[in-house]
Protein backbone atom coordinates (compact mmCIF):
# COMPACT_ATOMS: atom_id res chain seq x y z
CA MET A 1 -12.01 36.27 -57.96
CA THR A 2 -9.48 35.13 -55.38
CA LEU A 3 -8.14 38.66 -54.91
CA LEU A 4 -11.69 40.02 -54.42
CA THR A 5 -12.42 37.31 -51.84
CA ALA A 6 -9.21 38.10 -49.96
CA VAL A 7 -10.00 41.85 -49.89
CA LEU A 8 -13.56 41.19 -48.69
CA MET A 9 -12.28 38.84 -45.97
CA LEU A 10 -9.81 41.48 -44.75
CA MET A 11 -12.53 44.14 -44.69
CA MET A 12 -14.97 41.91 -42.83
CA SER A 13 -12.39 40.96 -40.21
CA GLY A 14 -12.56 44.57 -38.97
CA CYS A 15 -16.28 44.10 -38.24
CA SER A 16 -15.90 41.62 -35.40
CA VAL A 17 -18.15 41.79 -32.34
CA ALA A 18 -16.86 44.19 -29.68
CA ARG A 19 -15.28 42.55 -26.64
CA GLN A 20 -17.35 42.72 -23.42
CA PRO A 21 -15.85 45.00 -20.75
CA ASP A 22 -14.21 43.31 -17.77
CA ALA A 23 -16.21 45.49 -15.36
CA ASN A 24 -19.63 47.09 -15.36
CA PRO A 25 -20.74 50.24 -13.57
CA GLY A 26 -23.27 49.76 -10.80
CA SER A 27 -24.99 51.82 -8.15
CA ILE A 28 -23.81 52.11 -4.56
CA ASP A 29 -26.44 51.99 -1.82
CA GLY A 30 -25.90 52.29 1.92
CA ILE A 31 -28.11 50.84 4.65
CA ASN A 32 -27.45 52.07 8.18
CA HIS A 33 -28.31 49.51 10.88
CA THR A 34 -26.83 51.61 13.71
CA GLU A 35 -27.85 54.42 16.04
CA TYR A 36 -25.06 56.52 14.56
CA LYS A 37 -25.60 59.07 11.82
CA ILE A 38 -23.83 58.01 8.63
CA ASP A 39 -24.52 60.04 5.51
CA ASP A 40 -21.69 59.59 3.07
CA PHE A 41 -19.11 56.88 2.57
CA LYS A 42 -16.65 55.62 -0.03
CA VAL A 43 -16.08 52.16 -1.49
CA ASN A 44 -12.71 51.71 -3.17
CA GLY A 45 -12.66 55.49 -3.63
CA ALA A 46 -16.15 55.80 -5.16
CA GLY A 47 -18.76 57.76 -3.21
CA GLY A 48 -21.96 56.38 -1.71
CA SER A 49 -24.81 57.60 0.46
CA THR A 50 -27.27 56.21 3.00
CA ASN A 51 -29.75 58.78 1.69
CA GLY A 52 -30.27 57.18 -1.71
CA THR A 53 -28.56 55.54 -4.64
CA VAL A 54 -25.29 56.94 -5.97
CA CYS A 55 -23.54 56.06 -9.21
CA CYS A 56 -21.08 54.37 -9.69
CA VAL A 57 -18.86 51.58 -8.57
CA MET A 58 -17.12 49.39 -11.13
CA MET A 59 -17.96 45.75 -10.47
CA PRO A 60 -16.04 42.97 -12.23
CA ARG A 61 -18.27 40.95 -14.56
CA GLN A 62 -16.90 37.79 -12.99
CA TRP A 63 -16.51 37.34 -9.24
CA THR A 64 -13.15 36.14 -7.89
CA PRO A 65 -12.37 34.95 -4.33
CA ASP A 66 -9.96 37.84 -3.69
CA LEU A 67 -12.57 40.53 -4.45
CA THR A 68 -12.82 43.07 -1.60
CA ALA A 69 -14.40 46.41 -0.82
CA HIS A 70 -12.44 49.04 1.11
CA VAL A 71 -15.12 51.08 2.89
CA SER A 72 -14.41 54.41 4.60
CA TRP A 73 -17.00 56.53 6.40
CA ASN A 74 -17.59 59.12 9.07
CA SER A 75 -20.11 58.59 11.85
CA LEU A 76 -21.73 60.86 14.38
CA SER A 77 -22.93 59.44 17.70
CA PRO A 78 -26.51 60.14 18.85
CA GLU A 79 -25.11 62.26 21.70
CA ALA A 80 -22.93 64.33 19.36
CA SER A 81 -25.83 64.73 16.96
CA LYS A 82 -28.03 66.14 19.76
CA ALA A 83 -25.24 68.48 20.90
CA LEU A 84 -25.07 69.95 17.39
CA ARG A 85 -28.73 71.03 17.45
CA PRO A 86 -30.06 73.41 16.38
CA ILE A 87 -28.24 73.83 13.10
CA PRO A 88 -27.66 77.56 12.47
CA GLN A 89 -29.02 79.15 9.34
CA PHE A 90 -26.62 79.02 6.41
CA ASN A 91 -26.81 82.81 6.02
CA ASP A 92 -25.67 83.24 9.67
CA GLU A 93 -22.10 82.86 8.47
CA ALA A 94 -20.23 83.26 11.78
CA ASN A 95 -22.37 80.76 13.72
CA TYR A 96 -22.53 78.38 10.76
CA LYS A 97 -18.71 78.30 10.51
CA LYS A 98 -18.45 77.56 14.26
CA TRP A 99 -21.05 74.80 13.88
CA ARG A 100 -19.14 73.25 10.92
CA ILE A 101 -15.94 73.16 13.02
CA LYS A 102 -17.84 71.55 15.91
CA LEU A 103 -19.34 69.01 13.49
CA LYS A 104 -15.95 68.19 11.96
CA ASN A 105 -14.45 67.65 15.44
CA SER A 106 -17.38 65.38 16.43
CA LEU A 107 -17.10 63.01 13.46
CA GLN A 108 -15.40 59.65 13.92
CA HIS A 109 -13.59 58.24 10.89
CA HIS A 110 -13.65 54.50 10.16
CA GLU A 111 -12.17 52.25 7.49
CA ILE A 112 -12.47 48.53 6.91
CA THR A 113 -11.80 46.11 4.05
CA VAL A 114 -14.38 43.35 3.67
CA PRO A 115 -14.80 40.47 1.21
CA ILE A 116 -17.42 40.80 -1.50
CA PRO A 117 -19.53 37.62 -1.44
CA GLN A 118 -19.80 35.50 -4.56
CA TYR A 119 -22.22 36.66 -7.24
CA ASP A 120 -23.23 35.36 -10.67
CA LYS A 121 -24.59 38.71 -11.83
CA SER A 122 -23.51 42.04 -10.38
CA CYS A 123 -26.31 44.38 -9.37
CA GLY A 124 -24.22 47.20 -7.98
CA LEU A 125 -23.03 47.17 -4.38
CA LYS A 126 -25.09 47.51 -1.21
CA VAL A 127 -23.12 48.48 1.90
CA HIS A 128 -24.56 47.66 5.33
CA PHE A 129 -23.25 49.55 8.36
CA LEU A 130 -23.57 47.45 11.51
CA PRO A 131 -22.87 48.11 15.21
CA CYS A 132 -19.25 48.08 16.38
CA HIS A 133 -18.15 49.72 13.11
CA GLN A 134 -18.64 46.51 11.17
CA VAL A 135 -19.66 46.38 7.52
CA LYS A 136 -21.21 43.77 5.24
CA VAL A 137 -21.56 44.17 1.48
CA THR A 138 -23.51 42.36 -1.20
CA SER A 139 -24.03 42.60 -4.93
CA SER A 140 -27.41 40.89 -4.70
CA CYS A 141 -30.06 41.77 -7.26
CA TYR A 142 -32.67 41.61 -4.48
CA TRP A 143 -33.33 44.55 -2.14
CA TYR A 144 -33.03 44.86 1.62
CA GLY A 145 -36.22 43.64 3.26
CA MET A 146 -36.94 40.95 0.67
CA PRO A 147 -36.84 37.36 1.98
CA GLU A 148 -34.21 36.39 -0.64
CA TYR A 149 -31.86 39.22 0.32
CA PRO A 150 -28.67 37.82 1.92
CA ILE A 151 -28.31 40.42 4.72
CA GLN A 152 -31.19 40.31 7.19
CA GLU A 153 -29.98 42.37 10.17
CA PRO A 154 -32.64 44.83 11.40
CA GLU A 155 -32.31 48.59 11.25
CA LYS A 156 -31.58 50.71 14.36
CA MET A 157 -29.58 48.02 16.16
CA LYS A 158 -28.25 48.97 19.60
CA GLU A 159 -24.50 49.08 20.13
CA PRO A 160 -23.50 46.28 22.56
CA ALA A 161 -21.73 47.19 25.82
CA VAL A 162 -18.59 45.48 24.49
CA CYS A 163 -17.82 45.07 20.81
CA PRO A 164 -16.32 41.78 19.58
CA LYS A 165 -12.77 41.95 18.33
């Protein structure tokens, strides 16, 4: 009986509960508070969009004080956006190629590393683009516009005459 018990114990030890992952995938959302056009961006190498939710960013299950988000994005000023109108038809290959070059030369590239505020439960990452090429992020489970949401800056904020350093 002792041998049978030992064999059963060894077999059952292989049926332990799976360990929880250290990180969970979450969506990336972008909220543009500026006059500039910002479509796509990256957070720690993962893509995001201000035109809807994109999957995925890996968020640690447990927040730590050194947790940061490296955000990179391209912006287009309102003046540059107007100068690029009208957009040529895609099938007008020659003019479309010229337009793409003009667009590429008009984009301004930005990068910043910001702290990720403390969270108990990760609900993806929301990236807020603010005037003066500043960024705030949150992993709040609430949504922008709700009273409980931690970032309350309005949309379409004007760029100040002088940006703080």
